[in-house]
mmCIF file of all heavy atoms, coordinates in Angstrom:
data_MODEL
# 
_entry.id   MODEL 
# 
loop_
_atom_site.group_PDB 
_atom_site.id 
_atom_site.type_symbol 
_atom_site.label_atom_id 
_atom_site.label_alt_id 
_atom_site.label_comp_id 
_atom_site.label_asym_id 
_atom_site.label_entity_id 
_atom_site.label_seq_id 
_atom_site.pdbx_PDB_ins_code 
_atom_site.Cartn_x 
_atom_site.Cartn_y 
_atom_site.Cartn_z 
_atom_site.occupancy 
_atom_site.B_iso_or_equiv 
_atom_site.pdbx_formal_charge 
_atom_site.auth_seq_id 
_atom_site.auth_comp_id 
_atom_site.auth_asym_id 
_atom_site.auth_atom_id 
_atom_site.pdbx_PDB_model_num 
ATOM 1   N N   . ILE A 1 1  ? 1.211  3.769  5.223   1.00 0.00 ? 1  ILE A N   1 
ATOM 2   C CA  . ILE A 1 1  ? 0.929  2.333  5.109   1.00 0.00 ? 1  ILE A CA  1 
ATOM 3   C C   . ILE A 1 1  ? 1.401  1.600  6.358   1.00 0.00 ? 1  ILE A C   1 
ATOM 4   O O   . ILE A 1 1  ? 0.694  0.735  6.893   1.00 0.00 ? 1  ILE A O   1 
ATOM 5   C CB  . ILE A 1 1  ? 1.599  1.758  3.849   1.00 0.00 ? 1  ILE A CB  1 
ATOM 6   C CG1 . ILE A 1 1  ? 0.964  2.366  2.592   1.00 0.00 ? 1  ILE A CG1 1 
ATOM 7   C CG2 . ILE A 1 1  ? 1.485  0.232  3.817   1.00 0.00 ? 1  ILE A CG2 1 
ATOM 8   C CD1 . ILE A 1 1  ? 1.756  2.097  1.322   1.00 0.00 ? 1  ILE A CD1 1 
ATOM 9   N N   . GLU A 1 2  ? 2.575  1.956  6.833   1.00 0.00 ? 2  GLU A N   1 
ATOM 10  C CA  . GLU A 1 2  ? 3.107  1.298  8.033   1.00 0.00 ? 2  GLU A CA  1 
ATOM 11  C C   . GLU A 1 2  ? 2.231  1.572  9.251   1.00 0.00 ? 2  GLU A C   1 
ATOM 12  O O   . GLU A 1 2  ? 2.036  0.688  10.095  1.00 0.00 ? 2  GLU A O   1 
ATOM 13  C CB  . GLU A 1 2  ? 4.541  1.758  8.275   1.00 0.00 ? 2  GLU A CB  1 
ATOM 14  C CG  . GLU A 1 2  ? 5.521  1.188  7.259   1.00 0.00 ? 2  GLU A CG  1 
ATOM 15  C CD  . GLU A 1 2  ? 6.930  1.728  7.403   1.00 0.00 ? 2  GLU A CD  1 
ATOM 16  O OE1 . GLU A 1 2  ? 7.115  2.721  8.160   1.00 0.00 ? 2  GLU A OE1 1 
ATOM 17  O OE2 . GLU A 1 2  ? 7.847  1.171  6.771   1.00 0.00 ? 2  GLU A OE2 1 
ATOM 18  N N   . ARG A 1 3  ? 1.724  2.786  9.354   1.00 0.00 ? 3  ARG A N   1 
ATOM 19  C CA  . ARG A 1 3  ? 0.837  3.099  10.479  1.00 0.00 ? 3  ARG A CA  1 
ATOM 20  C C   . ARG A 1 3  ? -0.429 2.255  10.419  1.00 0.00 ? 3  ARG A C   1 
ATOM 21  O O   . ARG A 1 3  ? -0.887 1.723  11.438  1.00 0.00 ? 3  ARG A O   1 
ATOM 22  C CB  . ARG A 1 3  ? 0.491  4.582  10.467  1.00 0.00 ? 3  ARG A CB  1 
ATOM 23  C CG  . ARG A 1 3  ? -0.516 4.949  11.531  1.00 0.00 ? 3  ARG A CG  1 
ATOM 24  C CD  . ARG A 1 3  ? -0.763 6.422  11.629  1.00 0.00 ? 3  ARG A CD  1 
ATOM 25  N NE  . ARG A 1 3  ? -1.859 6.697  12.541  1.00 0.00 ? 3  ARG A NE  1 
ATOM 26  C CZ  . ARG A 1 3  ? -2.291 7.905  12.872  1.00 0.00 ? 3  ARG A CZ  1 
ATOM 27  N NH1 . ARG A 1 3  ? -1.690 8.971  12.369  1.00 0.00 ? 3  ARG A NH1 1 
ATOM 28  N NH2 . ARG A 1 3  ? -3.314 8.072  13.696  1.00 0.00 ? 3  ARG A NH2 1 
ATOM 29  N N   . VAL A 1 4  ? -1.022 2.137  9.227   1.00 0.00 ? 4  VAL A N   1 
ATOM 30  C CA  . VAL A 1 4  ? -2.241 1.340  9.101   1.00 0.00 ? 4  VAL A CA  1 
ATOM 31  C C   . VAL A 1 4  ? -1.940 -0.123 9.380   1.00 0.00 ? 4  VAL A C   1 
ATOM 32  O O   . VAL A 1 4  ? -2.688 -0.795 10.109  1.00 0.00 ? 4  VAL A O   1 
ATOM 33  C CB  . VAL A 1 4  ? -2.854 1.511  7.698   1.00 0.00 ? 4  VAL A CB  1 
ATOM 34  C CG1 . VAL A 1 4  ? -4.089 0.622  7.544   1.00 0.00 ? 4  VAL A CG1 1 
ATOM 35  C CG2 . VAL A 1 4  ? -3.233 2.968  7.452   1.00 0.00 ? 4  VAL A CG2 1 
ATOM 36  N N   . GLU A 1 5  ? -0.838 -0.635 8.841   1.00 0.00 ? 5  GLU A N   1 
ATOM 37  C CA  . GLU A 1 5  ? -0.480 -2.036 9.065   1.00 0.00 ? 5  GLU A CA  1 
ATOM 38  C C   . GLU A 1 5  ? -0.314 -2.340 10.546  1.00 0.00 ? 5  GLU A C   1 
ATOM 39  O O   . GLU A 1 5  ? -0.706 -3.411 11.019  1.00 0.00 ? 5  GLU A O   1 
ATOM 40  C CB  . GLU A 1 5  ? 0.808  -2.377 8.321   1.00 0.00 ? 5  GLU A CB  1 
ATOM 41  C CG  . GLU A 1 5  ? 1.236  -3.823 8.519   1.00 0.00 ? 5  GLU A CG  1 
ATOM 42  C CD  . GLU A 1 5  ? 2.647  -4.114 8.033   1.00 0.00 ? 5  GLU A CD  1 
ATOM 43  O OE1 . GLU A 1 5  ? 3.199  -3.303 7.261   1.00 0.00 ? 5  GLU A OE1 1 
ATOM 44  O OE2 . GLU A 1 5  ? 3.196  -5.156 8.455   1.00 0.00 ? 5  GLU A OE2 1 
ATOM 45  N N   . ALA A 1 6  ? 0.284  -1.406 11.292  1.00 0.00 ? 6  ALA A N   1 
ATOM 46  C CA  . ALA A 1 6  ? 0.517  -1.628 12.718  1.00 0.00 ? 6  ALA A CA  1 
ATOM 47  C C   . ALA A 1 6  ? -0.797 -1.805 13.478  1.00 0.00 ? 6  ALA A C   1 
ATOM 48  O O   . ALA A 1 6  ? -0.854 -2.521 14.478  1.00 0.00 ? 6  ALA A O   1 
ATOM 49  C CB  . ALA A 1 6  ? 1.314  -0.464 13.301  1.00 0.00 ? 6  ALA A CB  1 
ATOM 50  N N   . GLU A 1 7  ? -1.852 -1.169 13.001  1.00 0.00 ? 7  GLU A N   1 
ATOM 51  C CA  . GLU A 1 7  ? -3.154 -1.281 13.659  1.00 0.00 ? 7  GLU A CA  1 
ATOM 52  C C   . GLU A 1 7  ? -3.991 -2.419 13.105  1.00 0.00 ? 7  GLU A C   1 
ATOM 53  O O   . GLU A 1 7  ? -4.789 -3.029 13.832  1.00 0.00 ? 7  GLU A O   1 
ATOM 54  C CB  . GLU A 1 7  ? -3.921 0.033  13.523  1.00 0.00 ? 7  GLU A CB  1 
ATOM 55  C CG  . GLU A 1 7  ? -3.272 1.205  14.239  1.00 0.00 ? 7  GLU A CG  1 
ATOM 56  C CD  . GLU A 1 7  ? -4.171 2.431  14.261  1.00 0.00 ? 7  GLU A CD  1 
ATOM 57  O OE1 . GLU A 1 7  ? -5.356 2.298  14.632  1.00 0.00 ? 7  GLU A OE1 1 
ATOM 58  O OE2 . GLU A 1 7  ? -3.677 3.512  13.905  1.00 0.00 ? 7  GLU A OE2 1 
ATOM 59  N N   . ASP A 1 8  ? -3.827 -2.703 11.810  1.00 0.00 ? 8  ASP A N   1 
ATOM 60  C CA  . ASP A 1 8  ? -4.677 -3.699 11.153  1.00 0.00 ? 8  ASP A CA  1 
ATOM 61  C C   . ASP A 1 8  ? -3.953 -4.203 9.909   1.00 0.00 ? 8  ASP A C   1 
ATOM 62  O O   . ASP A 1 8  ? -3.950 -3.532 8.882   1.00 0.00 ? 8  ASP A O   1 
ATOM 63  C CB  . ASP A 1 8  ? -6.014 -3.061 10.774  1.00 0.00 ? 8  ASP A CB  1 
ATOM 64  C CG  . ASP A 1 8  ? -7.033 -4.051 10.253  1.00 0.00 ? 8  ASP A CG  1 
ATOM 65  O OD1 . ASP A 1 8  ? -6.646 -4.955 9.474   1.00 0.00 ? 8  ASP A OD1 1 
ATOM 66  O OD2 . ASP A 1 8  ? -8.222 -3.921 10.589  1.00 0.00 ? 8  ASP A OD2 1 
ATOM 67  N N   . PRO A 1 9  ? -3.314 -5.378 9.975   1.00 0.00 ? 9  PRO A N   1 
ATOM 68  C CA  . PRO A 1 9  ? -2.529 -5.866 8.832   1.00 0.00 ? 9  PRO A CA  1 
ATOM 69  C C   . PRO A 1 9  ? -3.340 -6.015 7.544   1.00 0.00 ? 9  PRO A C   1 
ATOM 70  O O   . PRO A 1 9  ? -2.819 -5.758 6.458   1.00 0.00 ? 9  PRO A O   1 
ATOM 71  C CB  . PRO A 1 9  ? -2.004 -7.212 9.323   1.00 0.00 ? 9  PRO A CB  1 
ATOM 72  C CG  . PRO A 1 9  ? -1.959 -7.080 10.809  1.00 0.00 ? 9  PRO A CG  1 
ATOM 73  C CD  . PRO A 1 9  ? -3.145 -6.235 11.159  1.00 0.00 ? 9  PRO A CD  1 
ATOM 74  N N   . TYR A 1 10 ? -4.602 -6.433 7.643   1.00 0.00 ? 10 TYR A N   1 
ATOM 75  C CA  . TYR A 1 10 ? -5.422 -6.572 6.438   1.00 0.00 ? 10 TYR A CA  1 
ATOM 76  C C   . TYR A 1 10 ? -5.623 -5.203 5.783   1.00 0.00 ? 10 TYR A C   1 
ATOM 77  O O   . TYR A 1 10 ? -5.458 -5.051 4.563   1.00 0.00 ? 10 TYR A O   1 
ATOM 78  C CB  . TYR A 1 10 ? -6.763 -7.200 6.790   1.00 0.00 ? 10 TYR A CB  1 
ATOM 79  C CG  . TYR A 1 10 ? -7.599 -7.599 5.587   1.00 0.00 ? 10 TYR A CG  1 
ATOM 80  C CD1 . TYR A 1 10 ? -7.524 -8.883 5.059   1.00 0.00 ? 10 TYR A CD1 1 
ATOM 81  C CD2 . TYR A 1 10 ? -8.474 -6.698 4.986   1.00 0.00 ? 10 TYR A CD2 1 
ATOM 82  C CE1 . TYR A 1 10 ? -8.289 -9.252 3.958   1.00 0.00 ? 10 TYR A CE1 1 
ATOM 83  C CE2 . TYR A 1 10 ? -9.242 -7.056 3.896   1.00 0.00 ? 10 TYR A CE2 1 
ATOM 84  C CZ  . TYR A 1 10 ? -9.150 -8.337 3.384   1.00 0.00 ? 10 TYR A CZ  1 
ATOM 85  O OH  . TYR A 1 10 ? -9.906 -8.702 2.298   1.00 0.00 ? 10 TYR A OH  1 
ATOM 86  N N   . ALA A 1 11 ? -5.960 -4.208 6.581   1.00 0.00 ? 11 ALA A N   1 
ATOM 87  C CA  . ALA A 1 11 ? -6.127 -2.856 6.056   1.00 0.00 ? 11 ALA A CA  1 
ATOM 88  C C   . ALA A 1 11 ? -4.808 -2.330 5.506   1.00 0.00 ? 11 ALA A C   1 
ATOM 89  O O   . ALA A 1 11 ? -4.778 -1.644 4.475   1.00 0.00 ? 11 ALA A O   1 
ATOM 90  C CB  . ALA A 1 11 ? -6.650 -1.928 7.151   1.00 0.00 ? 11 ALA A CB  1 
ATOM 91  N N   . GLY A 1 12 ? -3.712 -2.649 6.184   1.00 0.00 ? 12 GLY A N   1 
ATOM 92  C CA  . GLY A 1 12 ? -2.405 -2.226 5.686   1.00 0.00 ? 12 GLY A CA  1 
ATOM 93  C C   . GLY A 1 12 ? -2.098 -2.808 4.325   1.00 0.00 ? 12 GLY A C   1 
ATOM 94  O O   . GLY A 1 12 ? -1.534 -2.130 3.462   1.00 0.00 ? 12 GLY A O   1 
ATOM 95  N N   . CYS A 1 13 ? -2.485 -4.053 4.112   1.00 0.00 ? 13 CYS A N   1 
ATOM 96  C CA  . CYS A 1 13 ? -2.266 -4.683 2.812   1.00 0.00 ? 13 CYS A CA  1 
ATOM 97  C C   . CYS A 1 13 ? -3.097 -3.986 1.727   1.00 0.00 ? 13 CYS A C   1 
ATOM 98  O O   . CYS A 1 13 ? -2.597 -3.737 0.630   1.00 0.00 ? 13 CYS A O   1 
ATOM 99  C CB  . CYS A 1 13 ? -2.624 -6.163 2.885   1.00 0.00 ? 13 CYS A CB  1 
ATOM 100 S SG  . CYS A 1 13 ? -2.174 -7.108 1.407   1.00 0.00 ? 13 CYS A SG  1 
ATOM 101 N N   . LEU A 1 14 ? -4.339 -3.648 2.052   1.00 0.00 ? 14 LEU A N   1 
ATOM 102 C CA  . LEU A 1 14 ? -5.172 -2.947 1.083   1.00 0.00 ? 14 LEU A CA  1 
ATOM 103 C C   . LEU A 1 14 ? -4.585 -1.586 0.720   1.00 0.00 ? 14 LEU A C   1 
ATOM 104 O O   . LEU A 1 14 ? -4.542 -1.206 -0.459  1.00 0.00 ? 14 LEU A O   1 
ATOM 105 C CB  . LEU A 1 14 ? -6.583 -2.761 1.640   1.00 0.00 ? 14 LEU A CB  1 
ATOM 106 C CG  . LEU A 1 14 ? -7.494 -3.979 1.632   1.00 0.00 ? 14 LEU A CG  1 
ATOM 107 C CD1 . LEU A 1 14 ? -8.819 -3.656 2.330   1.00 0.00 ? 14 LEU A CD1 1 
ATOM 108 C CD2 . LEU A 1 14 ? -7.756 -4.444 0.203   1.00 0.00 ? 14 LEU A CD2 1 
ATOM 109 N N   . CYS A 1 15 ? -4.117 -0.855 1.711   1.00 0.00 ? 15 CYS A N   1 
ATOM 110 C CA  . CYS A 1 15 ? -3.516 0.456  1.438   1.00 0.00 ? 15 CYS A CA  1 
ATOM 111 C C   . CYS A 1 15 ? -2.247 0.306  0.607   1.00 0.00 ? 15 CYS A C   1 
ATOM 112 O O   . CYS A 1 15 ? -1.982 1.101  -0.303  1.00 0.00 ? 15 CYS A O   1 
ATOM 113 C CB  . CYS A 1 15 ? -3.220 1.190  2.742   1.00 0.00 ? 15 CYS A CB  1 
ATOM 114 S SG  . CYS A 1 15 ? -4.707 1.713  3.631   1.00 0.00 ? 15 CYS A SG  1 
ATOM 115 N N   . SER A 1 16 ? -1.464 -0.718 0.900   1.00 0.00 ? 16 SER A N   1 
ATOM 116 C CA  . SER A 1 16 ? -0.252 -0.980 0.122   1.00 0.00 ? 16 SER A CA  1 
ATOM 117 C C   . SER A 1 16 ? -0.610 -1.285 -1.335  1.00 0.00 ? 16 SER A C   1 
ATOM 118 O O   . SER A 1 16 ? 0.022  -0.771 -2.263  1.00 0.00 ? 16 SER A O   1 
ATOM 119 C CB  . SER A 1 16 ? 0.521  -2.142 0.732   1.00 0.00 ? 16 SER A CB  1 
ATOM 120 O OG  . SER A 1 16 ? 1.638  -2.483 -0.056  1.00 0.00 ? 16 SER A OG  1 
ATOM 121 N N   . MET A 1 17 ? -1.623 -2.109 -1.550  1.00 0.00 ? 17 MET A N   1 
ATOM 122 C CA  . MET A 1 17 ? -2.065 -2.431 -2.906  1.00 0.00 ? 17 MET A CA  1 
ATOM 123 C C   . MET A 1 17 ? -2.539 -1.178 -3.636  1.00 0.00 ? 17 MET A C   1 
ATOM 124 O O   . MET A 1 17 ? -2.255 -0.991 -4.827  1.00 0.00 ? 17 MET A O   1 
ATOM 125 C CB  . MET A 1 17 ? -3.177 -3.478 -2.847  1.00 0.00 ? 17 MET A CB  1 
ATOM 126 C CG  . MET A 1 17 ? -2.728 -4.837 -2.339  1.00 0.00 ? 17 MET A CG  1 
ATOM 127 S SD  . MET A 1 17 ? -4.117 -5.954 -1.932  1.00 0.00 ? 17 MET A SD  1 
ATOM 128 C CE  . MET A 1 17 ? -4.797 -6.259 -3.574  1.00 0.00 ? 17 MET A CE  1 
ATOM 129 N N   . HIS A 1 18 ? -3.253 -0.330 -2.936  1.00 0.00 ? 18 HIS A N   1 
ATOM 130 C CA  . HIS A 1 18 ? -3.769 0.898  -3.521  1.00 0.00 ? 18 HIS A CA  1 
ATOM 131 C C   . HIS A 1 18 ? -2.622 1.791  -4.001  1.00 0.00 ? 18 HIS A C   1 
ATOM 132 O O   . HIS A 1 18 ? -2.603 2.230  -5.156  1.00 0.00 ? 18 HIS A O   1 
ATOM 133 C CB  . HIS A 1 18 ? -4.606 1.628  -2.466  1.00 0.00 ? 18 HIS A CB  1 
ATOM 134 C CG  . HIS A 1 18 ? -5.197 2.921  -2.915  1.00 0.00 ? 18 HIS A CG  1 
ATOM 135 N ND1 . HIS A 1 18 ? -6.044 3.033  -3.999  1.00 0.00 ? 18 HIS A ND1 1 
ATOM 136 C CD2 . HIS A 1 18 ? -5.070 4.184  -2.412  1.00 0.00 ? 18 HIS A CD2 1 
ATOM 137 C CE1 . HIS A 1 18 ? -6.414 4.291  -4.141  1.00 0.00 ? 18 HIS A CE1 1 
ATOM 138 N NE2 . HIS A 1 18 ? -5.830 5.014  -3.203  1.00 0.00 ? 18 HIS A NE2 1 
ATOM 139 N N   . TYR A 1 19 ? -1.647 2.014  -3.144  1.00 0.00 ? 19 TYR A N   1 
ATOM 140 C CA  . TYR A 1 19 ? -0.551 2.912  -3.507  1.00 0.00 ? 19 TYR A CA  1 
ATOM 141 C C   . TYR A 1 19 ? 0.396  2.285  -4.523  1.00 0.00 ? 19 TYR A C   1 
ATOM 142 O O   . TYR A 1 19 ? 0.906  2.981  -5.409  1.00 0.00 ? 19 TYR A O   1 
ATOM 143 C CB  . TYR A 1 19 ? 0.207  3.346  -2.250  1.00 0.00 ? 19 TYR A CB  1 
ATOM 144 C CG  . TYR A 1 19 ? -0.471 4.496  -1.550  1.00 0.00 ? 19 TYR A CG  1 
ATOM 145 C CD1 . TYR A 1 19 ? -1.181 4.299  -0.373  1.00 0.00 ? 19 TYR A CD1 1 
ATOM 146 C CD2 . TYR A 1 19 ? -0.433 5.774  -2.087  1.00 0.00 ? 19 TYR A CD2 1 
ATOM 147 C CE1 . TYR A 1 19 ? -1.816 5.348  0.257   1.00 0.00 ? 19 TYR A CE1 1 
ATOM 148 C CE2 . TYR A 1 19 ? -1.064 6.828  -1.466  1.00 0.00 ? 19 TYR A CE2 1 
ATOM 149 C CZ  . TYR A 1 19 ? -1.756 6.617  -0.295  1.00 0.00 ? 19 TYR A CZ  1 
ATOM 150 O OH  . TYR A 1 19 ? -2.393 7.665  0.319   1.00 0.00 ? 19 TYR A OH  1 
ATOM 151 N N   . ALA A 1 20 ? 0.630  0.992  -4.423  1.00 0.00 ? 20 ALA A N   1 
ATOM 152 C CA  . ALA A 1 20 ? 1.499  0.346  -5.410  1.00 0.00 ? 20 ALA A CA  1 
ATOM 153 C C   . ALA A 1 20 ? 0.906  0.435  -6.810  1.00 0.00 ? 20 ALA A C   1 
ATOM 154 O O   . ALA A 1 20 ? 1.643  0.531  -7.805  1.00 0.00 ? 20 ALA A O   1 
ATOM 155 C CB  . ALA A 1 20 ? 1.731  -1.113 -5.023  1.00 0.00 ? 20 ALA A CB  1 
ATOM 156 N N   . SER A 1 21 ? -0.428 0.453  -6.898  1.00 0.00 ? 21 SER A N   1 
ATOM 157 C CA  . SER A 1 21 ? -1.081 0.510  -8.212  1.00 0.00 ? 21 SER A CA  1 
ATOM 158 C C   . SER A 1 21 ? -0.823 1.835  -8.921  1.00 0.00 ? 21 SER A C   1 
ATOM 159 O O   . SER A 1 21 ? -0.958 1.921  -10.143 1.00 0.00 ? 21 SER A O   1 
ATOM 160 C CB  . SER A 1 21 ? -2.585 0.277  -8.067  1.00 0.00 ? 21 SER A CB  1 
ATOM 161 O OG  . SER A 1 21 ? -3.237 1.391  -7.456  1.00 0.00 ? 21 SER A OG  1 
ATOM 162 N N   . PHE A 1 22 ? -0.447 2.876  -8.175  1.00 0.00 ? 22 PHE A N   1 
ATOM 163 C CA  . PHE A 1 22 ? -0.174 4.169  -8.798  1.00 0.00 ? 22 PHE A CA  1 
ATOM 164 C C   . PHE A 1 22 ? 1.049  4.125  -9.704  1.00 0.00 ? 22 PHE A C   1 
ATOM 165 O O   . PHE A 1 22 ? 1.191  4.970  -10.588 1.00 0.00 ? 22 PHE A O   1 
ATOM 166 C CB  . PHE A 1 22 ? 0.086  5.242  -7.739  1.00 0.00 ? 22 PHE A CB  1 
ATOM 167 C CG  . PHE A 1 22 ? -1.066 5.546  -6.820  1.00 0.00 ? 22 PHE A CG  1 
ATOM 168 C CD1 . PHE A 1 22 ? -0.874 6.359  -5.719  1.00 0.00 ? 22 PHE A CD1 1 
ATOM 169 C CD2 . PHE A 1 22 ? -2.334 5.037  -7.049  1.00 0.00 ? 22 PHE A CD2 1 
ATOM 170 C CE1 . PHE A 1 22 ? -1.911 6.661  -4.861  1.00 0.00 ? 22 PHE A CE1 1 
ATOM 171 C CE2 . PHE A 1 22 ? -3.387 5.321  -6.189  1.00 0.00 ? 22 PHE A CE2 1 
ATOM 172 C CZ  . PHE A 1 22 ? -3.168 6.145  -5.087  1.00 0.00 ? 22 PHE A CZ  1 
ATOM 173 N N   . PHE A 1 23 ? 1.938  3.173  -9.456  1.00 0.00 ? 23 PHE A N   1 
ATOM 174 C CA  . PHE A 1 23 ? 3.252  3.218  -10.081 1.00 0.00 ? 23 PHE A CA  1 
ATOM 175 C C   . PHE A 1 23 ? 3.514  2.033  -11.009 1.00 0.00 ? 23 PHE A C   1 
ATOM 176 O O   . PHE A 1 23 ? 4.660  1.671  -11.254 1.00 0.00 ? 23 PHE A O   1 
ATOM 177 C CB  . PHE A 1 23 ? 4.334  3.297  -8.991  1.00 0.00 ? 23 PHE A CB  1 
ATOM 178 C CG  . PHE A 1 23 ? 4.175  4.501  -8.103  1.00 0.00 ? 23 PHE A CG  1 
ATOM 179 C CD1 . PHE A 1 23 ? 3.745  4.371  -6.793  1.00 0.00 ? 23 PHE A CD1 1 
ATOM 180 C CD2 . PHE A 1 23 ? 4.407  5.772  -8.597  1.00 0.00 ? 23 PHE A CD2 1 
ATOM 181 C CE1 . PHE A 1 23 ? 3.575  5.484  -5.982  1.00 0.00 ? 23 PHE A CE1 1 
ATOM 182 C CE2 . PHE A 1 23 ? 4.252  6.894  -7.794  1.00 0.00 ? 23 PHE A CE2 1 
ATOM 183 C CZ  . PHE A 1 23 ? 3.826  6.750  -6.487  1.00 0.00 ? 23 PHE A CZ  1 
ATOM 184 N N   . GLU A 1 24 ? 2.466  1.440  -11.531 1.00 0.00 ? 24 GLU A N   1 
ATOM 185 C CA  . GLU A 1 24 ? 2.638  0.381  -12.522 1.00 0.00 ? 24 GLU A CA  1 
ATOM 186 C C   . GLU A 1 24 ? 3.177  0.991  -13.819 1.00 0.00 ? 24 GLU A C   1 
ATOM 187 O O   . GLU A 1 24 ? 2.630  1.960  -14.338 1.00 0.00 ? 24 GLU A O   1 
ATOM 188 C CB  . GLU A 1 24 ? 1.311  -0.322 -12.781 1.00 0.00 ? 24 GLU A CB  1 
ATOM 189 C CG  . GLU A 1 24 ? 0.777  -1.087 -11.579 1.00 0.00 ? 24 GLU A CG  1 
ATOM 190 C CD  . GLU A 1 24 ? -0.572 -1.719 -11.853 1.00 0.00 ? 24 GLU A CD  1 
ATOM 191 O OE1 . GLU A 1 24 ? -1.048 -1.619 -13.008 1.00 0.00 ? 24 GLU A OE1 1 
ATOM 192 O OE2 . GLU A 1 24 ? -1.161 -2.291 -10.919 1.00 0.00 ? 24 GLU A OE2 1 
ATOM 193 N N   . GLY A 1 25 ? 4.251  0.453  -14.313 1.00 0.00 ? 25 GLY A N   1 
ATOM 194 C CA  . GLY A 1 25 ? 4.806  0.910  -15.574 1.00 0.00 ? 25 GLY A CA  1 
ATOM 195 C C   . GLY A 1 25 ? 5.582  2.211  -15.510 1.00 0.00 ? 25 GLY A C   1 
ATOM 196 O O   . GLY A 1 25 ? 5.900  2.781  -16.561 1.00 0.00 ? 25 GLY A O   1 
ATOM 197 N N   . VAL A 1 26 ? 5.918  2.693  -14.321 1.00 0.00 ? 26 VAL A N   1 
ATOM 198 C CA  . VAL A 1 26 ? 6.664  3.947  -14.214 1.00 0.00 ? 26 VAL A CA  1 
ATOM 199 C C   . VAL A 1 26 ? 8.149  3.696  -14.467 1.00 0.00 ? 26 VAL A C   1 
ATOM 200 O O   . VAL A 1 26 ? 8.640  2.564  -14.375 1.00 0.00 ? 26 VAL A O   1 
ATOM 201 C CB  . VAL A 1 26 ? 6.478  4.605  -12.831 1.00 0.00 ? 26 VAL A CB  1 
ATOM 202 C CG1 . VAL A 1 26 ? 5.023  4.931  -12.600 1.00 0.00 ? 26 VAL A CG1 1 
ATOM 203 C CG2 . VAL A 1 26 ? 7.019  3.713  -11.728 1.00 0.00 ? 26 VAL A CG2 1 
ATOM 204 N N   . SER A 1 27 ? 8.864  4.779  -14.760 1.00 0.00 ? 27 SER A N   1 
ATOM 205 C CA  . SER A 1 27 ? 10.299 4.651  -15.029 1.00 0.00 ? 27 SER A CA  1 
ATOM 206 C C   . SER A 1 27 ? 11.165 5.302  -13.958 1.00 0.00 ? 27 SER A C   1 
ATOM 207 O O   . SER A 1 27 ? 12.382 5.109  -13.943 1.00 0.00 ? 27 SER A O   1 
ATOM 208 C CB  . SER A 1 27 ? 10.641 5.280  -16.384 1.00 0.00 ? 27 SER A CB  1 
ATOM 209 O OG  . SER A 1 27 ? 10.234 6.640  -16.425 1.00 0.00 ? 27 SER A OG  1 
ATOM 210 N N   . ASP A 1 28 ? 10.556 6.070  -13.064 1.00 0.00 ? 28 ASP A N   1 
ATOM 211 C CA  . ASP A 1 28 ? 11.332 6.735  -12.010 1.00 0.00 ? 28 ASP A CA  1 
ATOM 212 C C   . ASP A 1 28 ? 11.906 5.687  -11.052 1.00 0.00 ? 28 ASP A C   1 
ATOM 213 O O   . ASP A 1 28 ? 11.155 4.870  -10.502 1.00 0.00 ? 28 ASP A O   1 
ATOM 214 C CB  . ASP A 1 28 ? 10.439 7.715  -11.247 1.00 0.00 ? 28 ASP A CB  1 
ATOM 215 C CG  . ASP A 1 28 ? 11.214 8.473  -10.185 1.00 0.00 ? 28 ASP A CG  1 
ATOM 216 O OD1 . ASP A 1 28 ? 11.317 7.953  -9.054  1.00 0.00 ? 28 ASP A OD1 1 
ATOM 217 O OD2 . ASP A 1 28 ? 11.720 9.555  -10.486 1.00 0.00 ? 28 ASP A OD2 1 
# 
């Protein structure tokens, strides 16, 4: 995510949203 953000902040935000969605409601 950091690599993508460094090149394109909008794309970095999308990738961050994508990965954060994997962990909704997790307990780890």
